[in-house]
PDB file of N, CA and C in Angstrom:
ATOM      1  N   MET A   1       9.810   3.443  25.675  1.00  0.00           N
ATOM      2  CA  MET A   1       8.765   3.964  24.822  1.00  0.00           C
ATOM      3  C   MET A   1       9.053   3.569  23.367  1.00  0.00           C
ATOM      4  N   GLU A   2       7.992   3.540  22.625  1.00  0.00           N
ATOM      5  CA  GLU A   2       8.091   3.128  21.204  1.00  0.00           C
ATOM      6  C   GLU A   2       7.301   4.131  20.368  1.00  0.00           C
ATOM      7  N   VAL A   3       7.763   4.331  19.165  1.00  0.00           N
ATOM      8  CA  VAL A   3       7.060   5.185  18.215  1.00  0.00           C
ATOM      9  C   VAL A   3       7.072   4.442  16.866  1.00  0.00           C
ATOM     10  N   THR A   4       5.969   4.534  16.148  1.00  0.00           N
ATOM     11  CA  THR A   4       5.889   3.852  14.828  1.00  0.00           C
ATOM     12  C   THR A   4       5.601   4.922  13.770  1.00  0.00           C
ATOM     13  N   GLY A   5       6.084   4.578  12.508  1.00  0.00           N
ATOM     14  CA  GLY A   5       5.902   5.493  11.433  1.00  0.00           C
ATOM     15  C   GLY A   5       6.678   5.052  10.213  1.00  0.00           C
ATOM     16  N   LYS A   6       6.647   5.915   9.176  1.00  0.00           N
ATOM     17  CA  LYS A   6       7.322   5.674   7.920  1.00  0.00           C
ATOM     18  C   LYS A   6       8.598   6.457   7.871  1.00  0.00           C
ATOM     19  N   ILE A   7       9.680   5.828   7.428  1.00  0.00           N
ATOM     20  CA  ILE A   7      11.003   6.526   7.380  1.00  0.00           C
ATOM     21  C   ILE A   7      10.929   7.626   6.269  1.00  0.00           C
ATOM     22  N   LYS A   8      11.192   8.875   6.665  1.00  0.00           N
ATOM     23  CA  LYS A   8      11.236  10.015   5.728  1.00  0.00           C
ATOM     24  C   LYS A   8      12.694  10.265   5.288  1.00  0.00           C
ATOM     25  N   LEU A   9      13.654  10.111   6.210  1.00  0.00           N
ATOM     26  CA  LEU A   9      15.038  10.524   5.947  1.00  0.00           C
ATOM     27  C   LEU A   9      15.959   9.715   6.841  1.00  0.00           C
ATOM     28  N   ILE A  10      17.046   9.297   6.276  1.00  0.00           N
ATOM     29  CA  ILE A  10      18.184   8.675   7.071  1.00  0.00           C
ATOM     30  C   ILE A  10      19.424   9.385   6.686  1.00  0.00           C
ATOM     31  N   ASN A  11      19.967  10.109   7.644  1.00  0.00           N
ATOM     32  CA  ASN A  11      21.258  10.852   7.348  1.00  0.00           C
ATOM     33  C   ASN A  11      22.438   9.953   7.529  1.00  0.00           C
ATOM     34  N   GLU A  12      23.568  10.387   6.979  1.00  0.00           N
ATOM     35  CA  GLU A  12      24.818   9.650   7.117  1.00  0.00           C
ATOM     36  C   GLU A  12      25.351   9.771   8.560  1.00  0.00           C
ATOM     37  N   THR A  13      26.180   8.877   8.920  1.00  0.00           N
ATOM     38  CA  THR A  13      26.791   8.974  10.282  1.00  0.00           C
ATOM     39  C   THR A  13      27.716  10.155  10.402  1.00  0.00           C
ATOM     40  N   GLN A  14      27.668  10.902  11.446  1.00  0.00           N
ATOM     41  CA  GLN A  14      28.582  12.014  11.723  1.00  0.00           C
ATOM     42  C   GLN A  14      29.516  11.641  12.860  1.00  0.00           C
ATOM     43  N   THR A  15      30.768  12.052  12.764  1.00  0.00           N
ATOM     44  CA  THR A  15      31.743  11.805  13.834  1.00  0.00           C
ATOM     45  C   THR A  15      32.204  13.151  14.375  1.00  0.00           C
ATOM     46  N   PHE A  16      32.282  13.222  15.703  1.00  0.00           N
ATOM     47  CA  PHE A  16      32.664  14.512  16.390  1.00  0.00           C
ATOM     48  C   PHE A  16      33.804  14.303  17.306  1.00  0.00           C
ATOM     49  N   GLY A  17      34.701  15.324  17.339  1.00  0.00           N
ATOM     50  CA  GLY A  17      35.807  15.388  18.284  1.00  0.00           C
ATOM     51  C   GLY A  17      36.834  14.262  18.230  1.00  0.00           C
ATOM     52  N   ALA A  18      37.821  14.432  19.083  1.00  0.00           N
ATOM     53  CA  ALA A  18      38.966  13.487  19.134  1.00  0.00           C
ATOM     54  C   ALA A  18      38.505  12.128  19.693  1.00  0.00           C
ATOM     55  N   SER A  19      37.442  12.106  20.434  1.00  0.00           N
ATOM     56  CA  SER A  19      36.940  10.821  20.988  1.00  0.00           C
ATOM     57  C   SER A  19      36.251   9.943  19.934  1.00  0.00           C
ATOM     58  N   GLY A  20      35.847  10.546  18.847  1.00  0.00           N
ATOM     59  CA  GLY A  20      35.184   9.752  17.806  1.00  0.00           C
ATOM     60  C   GLY A  20      33.738   9.541  18.082  1.00  0.00           C
ATOM     61  N   PHE A  21      33.085  10.400  18.819  1.00  0.00           N
ATOM     62  CA  PHE A  21      31.652  10.265  19.101  1.00  0.00           C
ATOM     63  C   PHE A  21      30.892  10.195  17.783  1.00  0.00           C
ATOM     64  N   ARG A  22      30.014   9.259  17.621  1.00  0.00           N
ATOM     65  CA  ARG A  22      29.207   9.059  16.380  1.00  0.00           C
ATOM     66  C   ARG A  22      27.720   9.304  16.637  1.00  0.00           C
ATOM     67  N   LYS A  23      27.117   9.917  15.624  1.00  0.00           N
ATOM     68  CA  LYS A  23      25.669  10.183  15.736  1.00  0.00           C
ATOM     69  C   LYS A  23      25.035  10.032  14.346  1.00  0.00           C
ATOM     70  N   ARG A  24      23.865   9.452  14.250  1.00  0.00           N
ATOM     71  CA  ARG A  24      23.148   9.348  12.981  1.00  0.00           C
ATOM     72  C   ARG A  24      21.622   9.684  13.230  1.00  0.00           C
ATOM     73  N   GLU A  25      21.126  10.462  12.291  1.00  0.00           N
ATOM     74  CA  GLU A  25      19.750  10.957  12.529  1.00  0.00           C
ATOM     75  C   GLU A  25      18.766  10.275  11.560  1.00  0.00           C
ATOM     76  N   LEU A  26      17.628   9.915  12.103  1.00  0.00           N
ATOM     77  CA  LEU A  26      16.535   9.290  11.371  1.00  0.00           C
ATOM     78  C   LEU A  26      15.308  10.158  11.557  1.00  0.00           C
ATOM     79  N   VAL A  27      14.564  10.441  10.485  1.00  0.00           N
ATOM     80  CA  VAL A  27      13.308  11.146  10.607  1.00  0.00           C
ATOM     81  C   VAL A  27      12.192  10.207  10.131  1.00  0.00           C
ATOM     82  N   ILE A  28      11.166  10.087  11.046  1.00  0.00           N
ATOM     83  CA  ILE A  28      10.008   9.300  10.676  1.00  0.00           C
ATOM     84  C   ILE A  28       8.809  10.133  10.763  1.00  0.00           C
ATOM     85  N   THR A  29       7.796   9.830   9.940  1.00  0.00           N
ATOM     86  CA  THR A  29       6.502  10.434   9.952  1.00  0.00           C
ATOM     87  C   THR A  29       5.522   9.450  10.599  1.00  0.00           C
ATOM     88  N   THR A  30       4.873   9.929  11.710  1.00  0.00           N
ATOM     89  CA  THR A  30       4.027   9.034  12.468  1.00  0.00           C
ATOM     90  C   THR A  30       2.719   8.815  11.736  1.00  0.00           C
ATOM     91  N   ASN A  31       2.004   7.746  12.110  1.00  0.00           N
ATOM     92  CA  ASN A  31       0.711   7.388  11.473  1.00  0.00           C
ATOM     93  C   ASN A  31      -0.415   7.784  12.380  1.00  0.00           C
ATOM     94  N   GLU A  32      -0.662   9.088  12.497  1.00  0.00           N
ATOM     95  CA  GLU A  32      -1.709   9.603  13.380  1.00  0.00           C
ATOM     96  C   GLU A  32      -2.626  10.482  12.545  1.00  0.00           C
ATOM     97  N   GLN A  33      -3.692  10.958  13.191  1.00  0.00           N
ATOM     98  CA  GLN A  33      -4.566  11.880  12.509  1.00  0.00           C
ATOM     99  C   GLN A  33      -3.807  13.091  12.045  1.00  0.00           C
ATOM    100  N   TYR A  34      -2.920  13.606  12.932  1.00  0.00           N
ATOM    101  CA  TYR A  34      -2.080  14.747  12.594  1.00  0.00           C
ATOM    102  C   TYR A  34      -0.668  14.228  12.602  1.00  0.00           C
ATOM    103  N   PRO A  35      -0.095  13.694  11.474  1.00  0.00           N
ATOM    104  CA  PRO A  35       1.214  13.094  11.483  1.00  0.00           C
ATOM    105  C   PRO A  35       2.296  14.074  11.954  1.00  0.00           C
ATOM    106  N   GLN A  36       3.247  13.515  12.702  1.00  0.00           N
ATOM    107  CA  GLN A  36       4.329  14.302  13.209  1.00  0.00           C
ATOM    108  C   GLN A  36       5.612  13.785  12.540  1.00  0.00           C
ATOM    109  N   MET A  37       6.552  14.727  12.244  1.00  0.00           N
ATOM    110  CA  MET A  37       7.856  14.314  11.710  1.00  0.00           C
ATOM    111  C   MET A  37       8.824  14.407  12.918  1.00  0.00           C
ATOM    112  N   LEU A  38       9.305  13.227  13.358  1.00  0.00           N
ATOM    113  CA  LEU A  38      10.150  13.180  14.532  1.00  0.00           C
ATOM    114  C   LEU A  38      11.594  12.808  14.106  1.00  0.00           C
ATOM    115  N   MET A  39      12.565  13.607  14.572  1.00  0.00           N
ATOM    116  CA  MET A  39      13.951  13.323  14.378  1.00  0.00           C
ATOM    117  C   MET A  39      14.455  12.511  15.549  1.00  0.00           C
ATOM    118  N   ILE A  40      14.982  11.304  15.262  1.00  0.00           N
ATOM    119  CA  ILE A  40      15.494  10.414  16.316  1.00  0.00           C
ATOM    120  C   ILE A  40      16.966  10.229  16.117  1.00  0.00           C
ATOM    121  N   GLU A  41      17.729  10.391  17.156  1.00  0.00           N
ATOM    122  CA  GLU A  41      19.197  10.266  17.086  1.00  0.00           C
ATOM    123  C   GLU A  41      19.544   8.815  17.517  1.00  0.00           C
ATOM    124  N   PHE A  42      20.471   8.224  16.745  1.00  0.00           N
ATOM    125  CA  PHE A  42      21.107   6.959  17.099  1.00  0.00           C
ATOM    126  C   PHE A  42      22.575   7.302  17.360  1.00  0.00           C
ATOM    127  N   VAL A  43      23.154   6.867  18.506  1.00  0.00           N
ATOM    128  CA  VAL A  43      24.552   7.299  18.820  1.00  0.00           C
ATOM    129  C   VAL A  43      25.413   6.037  18.979  1.00  0.00           C
ATOM    130  N   GLN A  44      26.702   6.269  18.791  1.00  0.00           N
ATOM    131  CA  GLN A  44      27.758   5.279  18.982  1.00  0.00           C
ATOM    132  C   GLN A  44      27.464   4.012  18.148  1.00  0.00           C
ATOM    133  N   ASP A  45      27.481   2.844  18.776  1.00  0.00           N
ATOM    134  CA  ASP A  45      27.319   1.609  18.042  1.00  0.00           C
ATOM    135  C   ASP A  45      25.864   1.386  17.483  1.00  0.00           C
ATOM    136  N   LYS A  46      24.914   2.205  17.982  1.00  0.00           N
ATOM    137  CA  LYS A  46      23.548   2.127  17.540  1.00  0.00           C
ATOM    138  C   LYS A  46      23.375   2.747  16.099  1.00  0.00           C
ATOM    139  N   CYS A  47      24.345   3.557  15.708  1.00  0.00           N
ATOM    140  CA  CYS A  47      24.316   4.100  14.311  1.00  0.00           C
ATOM    141  C   CYS A  47      24.181   3.021  13.264  1.00  0.00           C
ATOM    142  N   ASP A  48      24.813   1.917  13.503  1.00  0.00           N
ATOM    143  CA  ASP A  48      24.911   0.835  12.493  1.00  0.00           C
ATOM    144  C   ASP A  48      23.537   0.142  12.326  1.00  0.00           C
ATOM    145  N   LEU A  49      22.645   0.291  13.312  1.00  0.00           N
ATOM    146  CA  LEU A  49      21.283  -0.311  13.215  1.00  0.00           C
ATOM    147  C   LEU A  49      20.524   0.173  11.998  1.00  0.00           C
ATOM    148  N   LEU A  50      20.839   1.385  11.534  1.00  0.00           N
ATOM    149  CA  LEU A  50      20.121   1.934  10.394  1.00  0.00           C
ATOM    150  C   LEU A  50      20.604   1.542   9.046  1.00  0.00           C
ATOM    151  N   ASN A  51      21.703   0.784   8.981  1.00  0.00           N
ATOM    152  CA  ASN A  51      22.345   0.406   7.706  1.00  0.00           C
ATOM    153  C   ASN A  51      21.368  -0.386   6.805  1.00  0.00           C
ATOM    154  N   SER A  52      20.515  -1.202   7.334  1.00  0.00           N
ATOM    155  CA  SER A  52      19.643  -2.054   6.523  1.00  0.00           C
ATOM    156  C   SER A  52      18.272  -1.456   6.251  1.00  0.00           C
ATOM    157  N   TYR A  53      18.035  -0.196   6.549  1.00  0.00           N
ATOM    158  CA  TYR A  53      16.711   0.472   6.393  1.00  0.00           C
ATOM    159  C   TYR A  53      16.781   1.475   5.286  1.00  0.00           C
ATOM    160  N   GLN A  54      15.624   1.726   4.661  1.00  0.00           N
ATOM    161  CA  GLN A  54      15.551   2.662   3.526  1.00  0.00           C
ATOM    162  C   GLN A  54      14.345   3.595   3.714  1.00  0.00           C
ATOM    163  N   VAL A  55      14.378   4.719   3.036  1.00  0.00           N
ATOM    164  CA  VAL A  55      13.285   5.664   3.070  1.00  0.00           C
ATOM    165  C   VAL A  55      12.027   4.982   2.569  1.00  0.00           C
ATOM    166  N   GLY A  56      10.901   5.157   3.245  1.00  0.00           N
ATOM    167  CA  GLY A  56       9.638   4.626   2.818  1.00  0.00           C
ATOM    168  C   GLY A  56       9.169   3.357   3.643  1.00  0.00           C
ATOM    169  N   GLN A  57      10.117   2.781   4.376  1.00  0.00           N
ATOM    170  CA  GLN A  57       9.774   1.590   5.186  1.00  0.00           C
ATOM    171  C   GLN A  57       9.004   1.977   6.410  1.00  0.00           C
ATOM    172  N   ASP A  58       8.017   1.159   6.771  1.00  0.00           N
ATOM    173  CA  ASP A  58       7.309   1.333   8.058  1.00  0.00           C
ATOM    174  C   ASP A  58       8.057   0.667   9.129  1.00  0.00           C
ATOM    175  N   VAL A  59       8.342   1.451  10.246  1.00  0.00           N
ATOM    176  CA  VAL A  59       9.187   0.893  11.304  1.00  0.00           C
ATOM    177  C   VAL A  59       8.585   1.203  12.691  1.00  0.00           C
ATOM    178  N   LYS A  60       9.113   0.437  13.659  1.00  0.00           N
ATOM    179  CA  LYS A  60       8.820   0.677  15.056  1.00  0.00           C
ATOM    180  C   LYS A  60      10.168   0.925  15.721  1.00  0.00           C
ATOM    181  N   VAL A  61      10.317   2.089  16.381  1.00  0.00           N
ATOM    182  CA  VAL A  61      11.584   2.480  17.017  1.00  0.00           C
ATOM    183  C   VAL A  61      11.388   2.545  18.517  1.00  0.00           C
ATOM    184  N   ALA A  62      12.266   1.860  19.261  1.00  0.00           N
ATOM    185  CA  ALA A  62      12.306   2.012  20.727  1.00  0.00           C
ATOM    186  C   ALA A  62      13.171   3.211  21.037  1.00  0.00           C
ATOM    187  N   ILE A  63      12.611   4.154  21.883  1.00  0.00           N
ATOM    188  CA  ILE A  63      13.273   5.386  22.122  1.00  0.00           C
ATOM    189  C   ILE A  63      13.411   5.670  23.613  1.00  0.00           C
ATOM    190  N   ASN A  64      14.319   6.568  23.962  1.00  0.00           N
ATOM    191  CA  ASN A  64      14.457   7.181  25.270  1.00  0.00           C
ATOM    192  C   ASN A  64      14.368   8.671  25.053  1.00  0.00           C
ATOM    193  N   LEU A  65      13.701   9.386  25.928  1.00  0.00           N
ATOM    194  CA  LEU A  65      13.665  10.831  25.925  1.00  0.00           C
ATOM    195  C   LEU A  65      14.822  11.347  26.772  1.00  0.00           C
ATOM    196  N   ARG A  66      15.625  12.267  26.251  1.00  0.00           N
ATOM    197  CA  ARG A  66      16.739  12.796  26.962  1.00  0.00           C
ATOM    198  C   ARG A  66      16.579  14.329  27.088  1.00  0.00           C
ATOM    199  N   GLY A  67      16.964  14.875  28.230  1.00  0.00           N
ATOM    200  CA  GLY A  67      16.884  16.286  28.476  1.00  0.00           C
ATOM    201  C   GLY A  67      18.069  16.733  29.223  1.00  0.00           C
ATOM    202  N   ARG A  68      18.530  17.947  28.980  1.00  0.00           N
ATOM    203  CA  ARG A  68      19.665  18.488  29.738  1.00  0.00           C
ATOM    204  C   ARG A  68      19.577  20.004  29.923  1.00  0.00           C
ATOM    205  N   GLU A  69      20.305  20.488  30.875  1.00  0.00           N
ATOM    206  CA  GLU A  69      20.343  21.912  31.165  1.00  0.00           C
ATOM    207  C   GLU A  69      21.727  22.416  30.821  1.00  0.00           C
ATOM    208  N   TRP A  70      21.774  23.621  30.244  1.00  0.00           N
ATOM    209  CA  TRP A  70      23.028  24.285  29.893  1.00  0.00           C
ATOM    210  C   TRP A  70      22.948  25.756  30.398  1.00  0.00           C
ATOM    211  N   ILE A  71      23.992  26.129  31.099  1.00  0.00           N
ATOM    212  CA  ILE A  71      24.030  27.549  31.603  1.00  0.00           C
ATOM    213  C   ILE A  71      24.873  28.299  30.639  1.00  0.00           C
ATOM    214  N   ASN A  72      24.317  29.340  30.025  1.00  0.00           N
ATOM    215  CA  ASN A  72      25.047  30.106  29.032  1.00  0.00           C
ATOM    216  C   ASN A  72      26.021  31.100  29.786  1.00  0.00           C
ATOM    217  N   PRO A  73      26.918  31.746  29.061  1.00  0.00           N
ATOM    218  CA  PRO A  73      27.935  32.634  29.674  1.00  0.00           C
ATOM    219  C   PRO A  73      27.310  33.764  30.567  1.00  0.00           C
ATOM    220  N   GLU A  74      26.087  34.117  30.264  1.00  0.00           N
ATOM    221  CA  GLU A  74      25.438  35.162  31.046  1.00  0.00           C
ATOM    222  C   GLU A  74      24.738  34.578  32.274  1.00  0.00           C
ATOM    223  N   GLY A  75      24.857  33.284  32.488  1.00  0.00           N
ATOM    224  CA  GLY A  75      24.262  32.628  33.655  1.00  0.00           C
ATOM    225  C   GLY A  75      22.806  32.239  33.535  1.00  0.00           C
ATOM    226  N   VAL A  76      22.278  32.272  32.316  1.00  0.00           N
ATOM    227  CA  VAL A  76      20.833  31.908  32.084  1.00  0.00           C
ATOM    228  C   VAL A  76      20.801  30.470  31.683  1.00  0.00           C
ATOM    229  N   ALA A  77      19.899  29.760  32.325  1.00  0.00           N
ATOM    230  CA  ALA A  77      19.704  28.334  32.052  1.00  0.00           C
ATOM    231  C   ALA A  77      18.899  28.103  30.762  1.00  0.00           C
ATOM    232  N   LYS A  78      19.410  27.220  29.922  1.00  0.00           N
ATOM    233  CA  LYS A  78      18.698  26.797  28.702  1.00  0.00           C
ATOM    234  C   LYS A  78      18.495  25.326  28.794  1.00  0.00           C
ATOM    235  N   TYR A  79      17.366  24.825  28.195  1.00  0.00           N
ATOM    236  CA  TYR A  79      17.063  23.388  28.297  1.00  0.00           C
ATOM    237  C   TYR A  79      16.901  22.810  26.890  1.00  0.00           C
ATOM    238  N   PHE A  80      17.446  21.600  26.733  1.00  0.00           N
ATOM    239  CA  PHE A  80      17.408  20.950  25.445  1.00  0.00           C
ATOM    240  C   PHE A  80      16.833  19.528  25.651  1.00  0.00           C
ATOM    241  N   ASN A  81      16.015  19.105  24.682  1.00  0.00           N
ATOM    242  CA  ASN A  81      15.513  17.745  24.627  1.00  0.00           C
ATOM    243  C   ASN A  81      15.940  17.037  23.375  1.00  0.00           C
ATOM    244  N   SER A  82      16.044  15.703  23.482  1.00  0.00           N
ATOM    245  CA  SER A  82      16.354  14.924  22.291  1.00  0.00           C
ATOM    246  C   SER A  82      15.652  13.555  22.436  1.00  0.00           C
ATOM    247  N   ILE A  83      15.442  12.955  21.264  1.00  0.00           N
ATOM    248  CA  ILE A  83      14.879  11.613  21.231  1.00  0.00           C
ATOM    249  C   ILE A  83      15.940  10.663  20.775  1.00  0.00           C
ATOM    250  N   GLN A  84      16.293   9.710  21.565  1.00  0.00           N
ATOM    251  CA  GLN A  84      17.395   8.819  21.281  1.00  0.00           C
ATOM    252  C   GLN A  84      16.897   7.381  21.023  1.00  0.00           C
ATOM    253  N   GLY A  85      17.177   6.861  19.812  1.00  0.00           N
ATOM    254  CA  GLY A  85      16.748   5.535  19.501  1.00  0.00           C
ATOM    255  C   GLY A  85      17.772   4.479  19.921  1.00  0.00           C
ATOM    256  N   TRP A  86      17.262   3.293  20.217  1.00  0.00           N
ATOM    257  CA  TRP A  86      18.195   2.232  20.643  1.00  0.00           C
ATOM    258  C   TRP A  86      17.799   0.867  20.046  1.00  0.00           C
ATOM    259  N   ARG A  87      16.622   0.834  19.353  1.00  0.00           N
ATOM    260  CA  ARG A  87      16.284  -0.416  18.608  1.00  0.00           C
ATOM    261  C   ARG A  87      15.279   0.034  17.530  1.00  0.00           C
ATOM    262  N   ILE A  88      15.300  -0.746  16.368  1.00  0.00           N
ATOM    263  CA  ILE A  88      14.425  -0.410  15.277  1.00  0.00           C
ATOM    264  C   ILE A  88      13.998  -1.704  14.637  1.00  0.00           C
ATOM    265  N   GLU A  89      12.698  -1.839  14.293  1.00  0.00           N
ATOM    266  CA  GLU A  89      12.149  -3.030  13.689  1.00  0.00           C
ATOM    267  C   GLU A  89      11.410  -2.655  12.404  1.00  0.00           C
ATOM    268  N   ASN A  90      11.482  -3.481  11.389  1.00  0.00           N
ATOM    269  CA  ASN A  90      10.742  -3.343  10.190  1.00  0.00           C
ATOM    270  C   ASN A  90       9.338  -3.874  10.417  1.00  0.00           C
ATOM    271  N   LEU A  91       8.318  -3.077  10.257  1.00  0.00           N
ATOM    272  CA  LEU A  91       6.954  -3.524  10.511  1.00  0.00           C
ATOM    273  C   LEU A  91       6.433  -4.342   9.382  1.00  0.00           C
ATOM    274  N   GLN A  92       6.907  -4.149   8.208  1.00  0.00           N
ATOM    275  CA  GLN A  92       6.454  -4.883   7.036  1.00  0.00           C
ATOM    276  C   GLN A  92       6.804  -6.386   7.113  1.00  0.00           C
ATOM    277  N   ALA A  93       7.971  -6.654   7.626  1.00  0.00           N
ATOM    278  CA  ALA A  93       8.435  -8.072   7.784  1.00  0.00           C
ATOM    279  C   ALA A  93       7.726  -8.759   8.963  1.00  0.00           C
ATOM    280  N   ALA A  94       7.284  -7.948   9.961  1.00  0.00           N
ATOM    281  CA  ALA A  94       6.687  -8.476  11.159  1.00  0.00           C
ATOM    282  C   ALA A  94       5.232  -8.788  10.928  1.00  0.00           C
ATOM    283  N   ALA A  95       4.604  -8.145   9.938  1.00  0.00           N
ATOM    284  CA  ALA A  95       3.196  -8.293   9.735  1.00  0.00           C
ATOM    285  C   ALA A  95       2.815  -9.669   9.199  1.00  0.00           C
ATOM    286  N   PRO A  96       1.885 -10.356   9.882  1.00  0.00           N
ATOM    287  CA  PRO A  96       1.507 -11.686   9.419  1.00  0.00           C
ATOM    288  C   PRO A  96       0.796 -11.655   8.087  1.00  0.00           C
ATOM    289  N   SER A  97       1.004 -12.674   7.308  1.00  0.00           N
ATOM    290  CA  SER A  97       0.405 -12.661   5.956  1.00  0.00           C
ATOM    291  C   SER A  97      -0.965 -13.305   6.076  1.00  0.00           C
ATOM    292  N   ASN A  98      -1.979 -12.652   5.489  1.00  0.00           N
ATOM    293  CA  ASN A  98      -3.361 -13.197   5.510  1.00  0.00           C
ATOM    294  C   ASN A  98      -3.651 -13.908   4.228  1.00  0.00           C
ATOM    295  N   GLU A  99      -2.702 -14.075   3.326  1.00  0.00           N
ATOM    296  CA  GLU A  99      -2.922 -14.719   2.058  1.00  0.00           C
ATOM    297  C   GLU A  99      -2.921 -16.211   2.190  1.00  0.00           C
ATOM    298  N   MET A 100      -3.818 -16.873   1.510  1.00  0.00           N
ATOM    299  CA  MET A 100      -3.836 -18.330   1.484  1.00  0.00           C
ATOM    300  C   MET A 100      -3.109 -18.762   0.233  1.00  0.00           C
ATOM    301  N   PRO A 101      -2.443 -19.940   0.274  1.00  0.00           N
ATOM    302  CA  PRO A 101      -1.821 -20.430  -0.926  1.00  0.00           C
ATOM    303  C   PRO A 101      -2.885 -20.813  -1.944  1.00  0.00           C
ATOM    304  N   PRO A 102      -2.530 -20.892  -3.207  1.00  0.00           N
ATOM    305  CA  PRO A 102      -3.532 -21.314  -4.231  1.00  0.00           C
ATOM    306  C   PRO A 102      -4.123 -22.715  -3.886  1.00  0.00           C
ATOM    307  N   MET A 103      -5.358 -22.944  -4.328  1.00  0.00           N
ATOM    308  CA  MET A 103      -6.034 -24.170  -3.989  1.00  0.00           C
ATOM    309  C   MET A 103      -5.238 -25.448  -4.510  1.00  0.00           C
ATOM    310  N   GLU A 104      -4.640 -25.287  -5.657  1.00  0.00           N
ATOM    311  CA  GLU A 104      -3.918 -26.404  -6.222  1.00  0.00           C
ATOM    312  C   GLU A 104      -2.779 -26.831  -5.251  1.00  0.00           C
ATOM    313  N   GLU A 105      -2.164 -25.878  -4.624  1.00  0.00           N
ATOM    314  CA  GLU A 105      -1.039 -26.184  -3.696  1.00  0.00           C
ATOM    315  C   GLU A 105      -1.577 -26.914  -2.442  1.00  0.00           C
ATOM    316  N   ILE A 106      -2.752 -26.450  -1.961  1.00  0.00           N
ATOM    317  CA  ILE A 106      -3.336 -27.078  -0.795  1.00  0.00           C
ATOM    318  C   ILE A 106      -3.729 -28.526  -1.091  1.00  0.00           C
ATOM    319  N   GLN A 107      -4.413 -28.727  -2.154  1.00  0.00           N
ATOM    320  CA  GLN A 107      -4.861 -30.063  -2.552  1.00  0.00           C
ATOM    321  C   GLN A 107      -3.696 -31.000  -2.766  1.00  0.00           C
ATOM    322  N   ALA A 108      -2.659 -30.523  -3.473  1.00  0.00           N
ATOM    323  CA  ALA A 108      -1.491 -31.376  -3.827  1.00  0.00           C
ATOM    324  C   ALA A 108      -0.736 -31.728  -2.544  1.00  0.00           C
ATOM    325  N   SER A 109      -0.621 -30.842  -1.596  1.00  0.00           N
ATOM    326  CA  SER A 109       0.138 -31.139  -0.369  1.00  0.00           C
ATOM    327  C   SER A 109      -0.686 -32.014   0.585  1.00  0.00           C
ATOM    328  N   ASP A 110      -2.029 -31.990   0.500  1.00  0.00           N
ATOM    329  CA  ASP A 110      -2.830 -32.807   1.380  1.00  0.00           C
ATOM    330  C   ASP A 110      -2.990 -34.252   0.939  1.00  0.00           C
ATOM    331  N   LEU A 111      -2.728 -34.519  -0.324  1.00  0.00           N
ATOM    332  CA  LEU A 111      -2.853 -35.879  -0.860  1.00  0.00           C
ATOM    333  C   LEU A 111      -1.565 -36.619  -0.704  1.00  0.00           C
ATOM    334  N   SER A 112      -1.684 -37.863  -0.406  1.00  0.00           N
ATOM    335  CA  SER A 112      -0.518 -38.769  -0.302  1.00  0.00           C
ATOM    336  C   SER A 112      -0.829 -40.015  -1.048  1.00  0.00           C
ATOM    337  N   SER A 113       0.113 -40.604  -1.760  1.00  0.00           N
ATOM    338  CA  SER A 113      -0.129 -41.798  -2.486  1.00  0.00           C
ATOM    339  C   SER A 113      -0.213 -43.003  -1.542  1.00  0.00           C
ATOM    340  N   ASN A 114       0.178 -42.841  -0.253  1.00  0.00           N
ATOM    341  CA  ASN A 114       0.077 -43.953   0.721  1.00  0.00           C
ATOM    342  C   ASN A 114      -1.265 -44.130   1.274  1.00  0.00           C
ATOM    343  N   GLU A 115      -2.158 -43.140   1.128  1.00  0.00           N
ATOM    344  CA  GLU A 115      -3.449 -43.196   1.775  1.00  0.00           C
ATOM    345  C   GLU A 115      -4.460 -43.838   0.795  1.00  0.00           C
ATOM    346  N   PRO A 116      -5.289 -44.744   1.332  1.00  0.00           N
ATOM    347  CA  PRO A 116      -6.331 -45.333   0.443  1.00  0.00           C
ATOM    348  C   PRO A 116      -7.446 -44.395   0.048  1.00  0.00           C
ATOM    349  N   ASP A 117      -8.039 -44.586  -1.069  1.00  0.00           N
ATOM    350  CA  ASP A 117      -9.147 -43.792  -1.488  1.00  0.00           C
ATOM    351  C   ASP A 117     -10.419 -44.378  -0.927  1.00  0.00           C
ATOM    352  N   ASP A 118     -10.821 -43.965   0.266  1.00  0.00           N
ATOM    353  CA  ASP A 118     -12.012 -44.571   0.942  1.00  0.00           C
ATOM    354  C   ASP A 118     -13.184 -43.609   1.044  1.00  0.00           C
ATOM    355  N   LEU A 119     -13.388 -42.853   0.000  1.00  0.00           N
ATOM    356  CA  LEU A 119     -14.497 -41.924   0.037  1.00  0.00           C
ATOM    357  C   LEU A 119     -15.826 -42.743  -0.132  1.00  0.00           C
ATOM    358  N   PRO A 120     -16.885 -42.304   0.559  1.00  0.00           N
ATOM    359  CA  PRO A 120     -18.126 -43.114   0.543  1.00  0.00           C
ATOM    360  C   PRO A 120     -18.963 -42.908  -0.712  1.00  0.00           C
ATOM    361  N   PHE A 121     -18.524 -42.144  -1.651  1.00  0.00           N
ATOM    362  CA  PHE A 121     -19.348 -41.946  -2.859  1.00  0.00           C
ATOM    363  C   PHE A 121     -18.514 -42.149  -4.114  1.00  0.00           C
TER     364      PHE A 121
END
């Protein structure tokens, strides 16, 4: 699955336990009629994917939905969901440019001194 939006927040990497489990959270605001603020977790080596991103950038994030069950001490089941990111792309860099170069650049690059001037007028 993929989700697109604007980066609202990038947290620092957190490390947990003796195993050194790493987690970093990203919040994006979706581009919908009713924008949603989604917190996406990046874990372990995927934390480093966020190093080159900043608040305000438009991105596309590849995600997996995760869910788990936990039985509390009283024996009651509780359920938790999370959104886990595994790839992120900058949409501004991927957008094609619709701008044309200035006319002077087009004319200068199209002309060659090796071509004869054979215009009929």
